[in-house]
Protein backbone atom coordinates (compact mmCIF):
# COMPACT_ATOMS: atom_id res chain seq x y z
CA MET A 1 0.08 0.29 0.19
CA ILE A 2 1.23 3.60 -1.20
CA ALA A 3 -0.11 6.62 0.73
CA PHE A 4 -0.15 9.53 -2.16
CA GLU A 5 -1.13 13.01 -3.12
CA LYS A 6 -2.63 14.30 -6.25
CA MET A 7 -1.27 17.10 -7.26
CA HIS A 8 -0.46 19.79 -9.95
CA GLY A 9 1.08 23.56 -11.12
CA ASN A 10 -0.76 24.82 -13.55
CA GLY A 11 -2.47 21.69 -14.54
CA ASN A 12 0.88 19.80 -15.05
CA ASP A 13 -0.42 16.61 -12.69
CA PHE A 14 1.58 14.81 -10.49
CA VAL A 15 1.23 11.77 -7.90
CA VAL A 16 3.64 12.53 -5.27
CA ILE A 17 5.05 9.92 -2.73
CA ASP A 18 6.80 10.58 0.34
CA ALA A 19 9.51 7.92 0.01
CA LEU A 20 11.70 8.84 2.75
CA THR A 21 11.22 6.28 5.13
CA SER A 22 9.54 3.35 3.14
CA ASN A 23 11.18 0.92 1.12
CA ASN A 24 8.94 1.15 -1.96
CA THR A 25 10.54 0.66 -5.51
CA PHE A 26 8.96 2.38 -8.62
CA SER A 27 9.31 -0.45 -11.44
CA LYS A 28 8.30 1.22 -15.10
CA ALA A 29 5.12 -1.48 -14.80
CA LEU A 30 4.38 0.14 -11.54
CA VAL A 31 4.43 3.57 -12.45
CA LYS A 32 2.71 3.10 -15.48
CA LYS A 33 0.07 1.54 -13.70
CA ILE A 34 -0.58 4.42 -11.24
CA ALA A 35 -0.15 7.27 -14.19
CA HIS A 36 -2.91 5.92 -16.48
CA ARG A 37 -5.80 8.01 -16.98
CA LYS A 38 -8.37 5.15 -16.76
CA LEU A 39 -7.29 2.47 -14.97
CA GLY A 40 -5.18 4.30 -12.22
CA ILE A 41 -5.07 7.56 -10.29
CA GLY A 42 -3.49 9.35 -13.52
CA CYS A 43 -0.53 11.61 -13.71
CA ASP A 44 2.06 13.01 -16.24
CA GLN A 45 4.56 12.19 -13.42
CA LEU A 46 4.77 10.32 -10.33
CA ILE A 47 7.19 12.20 -8.35
CA ALA A 48 8.93 10.61 -5.09
CA ILE A 49 10.43 12.26 -1.87
CA TYR A 50 13.55 10.69 -0.64
CA PRO A 51 16.82 11.48 1.78
CA PRO A 52 19.31 13.67 0.54
CA LYS A 53 21.94 12.26 -1.16
CA LYS A 54 24.31 15.72 -0.70
CA LYS A 55 24.86 17.31 2.35
CA LYS A 56 23.82 20.85 1.59
CA ASP A 57 20.10 19.36 0.27
CA ASP A 58 17.37 18.82 2.62
CA PHE A 59 15.93 15.96 0.33
CA PHE A 60 16.43 14.14 -3.13
CA ILE A 61 13.67 14.21 -5.84
CA LYS A 62 13.18 11.30 -8.02
CA PHE A 63 10.75 12.38 -11.33
CA PHE A 64 8.92 8.98 -13.02
CA ASN A 65 7.08 9.83 -16.47
CA ALA A 66 3.82 8.57 -17.42
CA ASP A 67 5.23 5.74 -19.34
CA GLY A 68 7.48 4.70 -16.66
CA SER A 69 10.86 6.24 -17.90
CA GLN A 70 12.77 8.24 -15.40
CA ALA A 71 13.08 12.28 -16.14
CA ASP A 72 15.91 14.51 -14.80
CA MET A 73 13.84 17.36 -13.58
CA CYS A 74 10.42 18.99 -13.32
CA MET A 75 9.95 22.54 -12.15
CA ASN A 76 6.41 22.36 -12.00
CA GLY A 77 6.50 19.09 -10.11
CA LEU A 78 9.25 20.79 -7.53
CA ARG A 79 6.84 23.67 -6.51
CA CYS A 80 4.52 20.89 -5.68
CA VAL A 81 6.99 18.62 -4.08
CA ALA A 82 7.88 21.96 -1.94
CA TYR A 83 4.29 22.22 -0.96
CA PHE A 84 3.89 18.24 0.23
CA ILE A 85 6.98 19.41 2.52
CA TRP A 86 5.67 21.91 4.33
CA GLU A 87 2.11 20.77 4.24
CA ASN A 88 3.28 17.30 5.59
CA LYS A 89 5.72 18.97 8.61
CA LEU A 90 8.63 17.10 7.34
CA ALA A 91 10.54 20.49 7.02
CA PRO A 92 10.05 23.72 8.74
CA LYS A 93 8.47 26.22 6.30
CA LYS A 94 11.98 27.88 5.33
CA VAL A 95 14.25 27.71 1.94
CA LEU A 96 14.42 24.10 1.16
CA ASN A 97 17.52 22.46 -0.59
CA LEU A 98 15.77 19.99 -3.22
CA GLY A 99 18.66 18.09 -4.55
CA THR A 100 17.84 16.06 -8.37
CA LYS A 101 19.48 14.09 -10.64
CA THR A 102 21.45 17.21 -12.42
CA LYS A 103 21.25 20.39 -10.52
CA GLY A 104 20.53 21.34 -6.83
CA ILE A 105 16.90 23.75 -6.30
CA LYS A 106 16.04 26.16 -3.98
CA ALA A 107 12.03 26.44 -3.07
CA LYS A 108 10.76 29.19 -0.94
CA LEU A 109 7.43 30.13 0.14
CA LEU A 110 5.27 33.13 -1.33
CA LYS A 111 1.91 34.27 -0.44
CA ASN A 112 -0.97 32.58 -1.10
CA TYR A 113 0.81 29.59 -1.68
CA MET A 114 2.97 30.62 -4.75
CA ILE A 115 6.02 28.97 -5.01
CA GLU A 116 9.54 30.63 -5.98
CA LEU A 117 12.28 28.39 -7.38
CA SER A 118 15.62 29.06 -7.56
CA PHE A 119 18.89 27.94 -9.36
CA ASP A 120 22.16 28.19 -11.57
CA LEU A 121 21.57 29.91 -15.23
CA PRO A 122 20.16 27.55 -17.67
CA LYS A 123 22.37 26.80 -20.71
CA LYS A 124 22.91 26.83 -24.43
CA ILE A 125 23.11 23.50 -26.40
CA THR A 126 24.72 24.03 -29.41
CA LEU A 127 22.70 22.07 -32.25
CA PRO A 128 25.00 20.34 -34.65
CA ARG A 129 24.28 21.44 -38.78
CA SER A 130 23.01 18.23 -39.20
CA VAL A 131 20.59 18.99 -36.47
CA LEU A 132 19.52 22.05 -37.70
CA ASN A 133 18.92 21.46 -41.41
CA PHE A 134 16.28 18.55 -40.31
CA LEU A 135 14.67 21.00 -38.54
CA GLU A 136 14.76 23.41 -41.65
CA LYS A 137 13.78 20.61 -43.40
CA GLU A 138 10.51 20.43 -41.22
CA GLY A 139 10.11 23.62 -41.67
CA PHE A 140 11.64 25.20 -38.07
CA LYS A 141 14.22 27.86 -39.08
CA ASN A 142 13.83 29.64 -35.87
CA SER A 143 14.79 26.94 -33.18
CA GLN A 144 16.84 27.26 -30.04
CA ALA A 145 17.89 24.30 -27.76
CA ILE A 146 18.52 24.39 -23.67
CA ASP A 147 19.65 22.85 -21.02
CA VAL A 148 17.77 23.46 -17.30
CA GLY A 149 18.83 19.89 -16.10
CA ASN A 150 16.55 18.52 -18.69
CA LYS A 151 17.01 19.48 -22.25
CA HIS A 152 14.64 21.58 -24.15
CA LEU A 153 13.82 22.45 -27.72
CA ILE A 154 12.18 26.32 -28.62
CA LEU A 155 10.38 26.61 -31.49
CA ARG A 156 8.96 29.58 -32.86
CA ILE A 157 5.83 29.69 -34.72
CA SER A 158 2.90 31.61 -35.84
CA ASN A 159 -0.20 29.19 -35.54
CA LEU A 160 0.37 28.25 -31.93
CA ASP A 161 -3.48 27.45 -30.95
CA THR A 162 -3.77 25.26 -34.07
CA HIS A 163 -0.44 23.81 -34.82
CA ASP A 164 -0.44 19.86 -34.29
CA LEU A 165 1.87 19.67 -31.60
CA ALA A 166 1.40 15.47 -31.14
CA ASN A 167 2.85 15.11 -34.78
CA THR A 168 5.48 17.57 -34.61
CA ASP A 169 6.82 15.59 -31.39
CA MET A 170 6.65 12.30 -33.43
CA VAL A 171 8.76 13.73 -36.38
CA LEU A 172 11.66 15.58 -34.26
CA ARG A 173 11.96 12.51 -32.10
CA LYS A 174 12.88 10.13 -34.88
CA ASN A 175 16.06 11.97 -34.81
CA LYS A 176 18.00 10.70 -32.79
CA PHE A 177 19.71 13.72 -31.14
CA LEU A 178 16.30 15.58 -30.48
CA SER A 179 14.80 12.35 -29.01
CA ASP A 180 14.89 12.90 -25.10
CA PHE A 181 14.19 16.59 -25.41
CA ASN A 182 11.03 18.25 -24.43
CA ILE A 183 9.38 20.21 -27.10
CA SER A 184 8.08 23.49 -27.01
CA ILE A 185 6.61 25.57 -29.30
CA ILE A 186 5.91 29.63 -28.78
CA LYS A 187 4.69 32.41 -29.79
CA ILE A 188 5.57 36.09 -28.66
CA THR A 189 3.41 39.05 -28.18
CA LYS A 190 4.14 42.26 -26.48
CA ASN A 191 3.26 41.14 -23.05
CA ALA A 192 3.80 37.69 -22.70
CA ILE A 193 5.23 34.45 -24.32
CA ASN A 194 2.46 31.95 -25.50
CA VAL A 195 3.68 28.21 -24.90
CA ARG A 196 2.77 24.81 -26.01
CA THR A 197 4.90 22.15 -24.38
CA SER A 198 5.23 18.39 -25.26
CA GLU A 199 7.05 16.24 -22.66
CA HIS A 200 9.51 13.33 -23.03
CA GLY A 201 8.01 10.66 -21.86
CA ALA A 202 4.37 12.36 -21.04
CA GLY A 203 3.44 14.33 -24.10
CA GLU A 204 1.48 17.49 -24.12
CA THR A 205 0.65 18.53 -20.51
CA LEU A 206 -0.83 21.96 -19.44
CA ALA A 207 2.46 23.58 -18.42
CA CYS A 208 5.84 23.01 -17.83
CA GLY A 209 8.00 24.62 -15.16
CA SER A 210 11.57 23.60 -16.90
CA ALA A 211 9.78 24.62 -20.31
CA ALA A 212 8.87 28.08 -18.90
CA ALA A 213 12.52 28.67 -17.55
CA SER A 214 14.21 27.43 -20.77
CA ILE A 215 12.00 30.06 -22.38
CA GLY A 216 12.68 32.88 -19.99
CA PHE A 217 16.36 32.13 -20.24
CA ALA A 218 16.32 32.18 -23.75
CA TYR A 219 13.85 34.91 -24.59
CA GLY A 220 13.79 37.23 -21.42
CA LYS A 221 15.13 40.48 -20.66
CA ASP A 222 17.71 40.45 -18.20
CA ASP A 223 16.96 41.53 -14.55
CA ALA A 224 13.56 42.08 -15.75
CA LYS A 225 10.06 39.45 -15.16
CA THR A 226 9.15 37.56 -18.11
CA THR A 227 5.51 36.05 -18.22
CA LEU A 228 5.06 32.51 -19.79
CA LYS A 229 1.15 31.76 -20.42
CA PHE A 230 0.52 28.40 -20.76
CA ARG A 231 -2.85 26.30 -21.34
CA GLY A 232 -2.96 25.83 -17.98
CA GLY A 233 -2.21 29.11 -16.34
CA LYS A 234 0.41 31.76 -15.89
CA ILE A 235 4.46 31.27 -15.40
CA THR A 236 6.78 33.92 -13.88
CA THR A 237 10.64 33.87 -14.81
CA ILE A 238 13.46 36.70 -13.89
CA LYS A 239 16.64 36.21 -15.13
CA ALA A 240 19.59 37.51 -13.37
CA ALA A 241 22.76 36.02 -11.52
CA ASN A 242 20.80 33.22 -11.38
CA MET A 243 17.20 31.94 -12.56
CA LYS A 244 13.98 32.36 -10.68
CA LEU A 245 10.37 30.50 -11.36
CA ILE A 246 7.67 31.72 -9.67
CA GLY A 247 4.23 29.85 -9.70
CA PRO A 248 1.52 27.97 -7.90
CA ALA A 249 1.20 24.12 -5.97
CA VAL A 250 -1.99 23.17 -5.76
CA LYS A 251 -2.90 19.80 -3.98
CA LEU A 252 -6.19 18.05 -5.37
CA PHE A 253 -6.36 15.16 -2.89
CA GLU A 254 -4.88 12.33 -0.93
CA GLY A 255 -5.45 8.40 -1.07
CA ARG A 256 -3.95 5.03 -1.03
CA TRP A 257 -2.86 2.87 -3.84
CA GLU A 258 -3.09 -0.56 -3.48
CA SER A 259 -1.41 -2.49 -6.04
């Protein structure tokens, strides 16, 4: 029996589990069962909270995609993790140091359970000429690739609402270099950047925090707020000496899974 909480950040939904003292293991088959929208709890990702691996961290976080594969990072998920930790009194309501497979993230509680994450600036990924040629052949001339703890491909398009993102995801992942990227399509307006994201291992989600961080880094102005609009709501980023991301975390319900 596994105790869990169902949570979401801007509609990006998660099953969050306290694995601090349990002996629970999460096989690919089990994760797929739990994540199934008809036969399970339903989620974009299962997230498990473990004891820290490094002295500077308070906890270590693992992310499992809906298809059972492991993800390196999820910033909407980390906001939910912070909420879970504070609400279940696993740590004081102070700045949390959350370790992940690829980097450490600080989480700070703001008003109305808006949560601020801060972390090292993302890095640009240089796409090989062969990949740029592939993208141009598929009709994408304006692209950027960013590493924010996981990898993101950002494509600027004009028909954001009607674009067949599922097909683009399928086509682009045939390129070996792009196979494990999250893929975002964006349209920049005067007051915001509108975004749709298809996540590796989960498909299109209502929002993606790490995509917001990547896009805010790539297109945001220094020392200024950038508003990212997803179908699930708004996320704010600030690019300065480090990167900040601000958004909500919401608890939906709790329960127990009997496998």
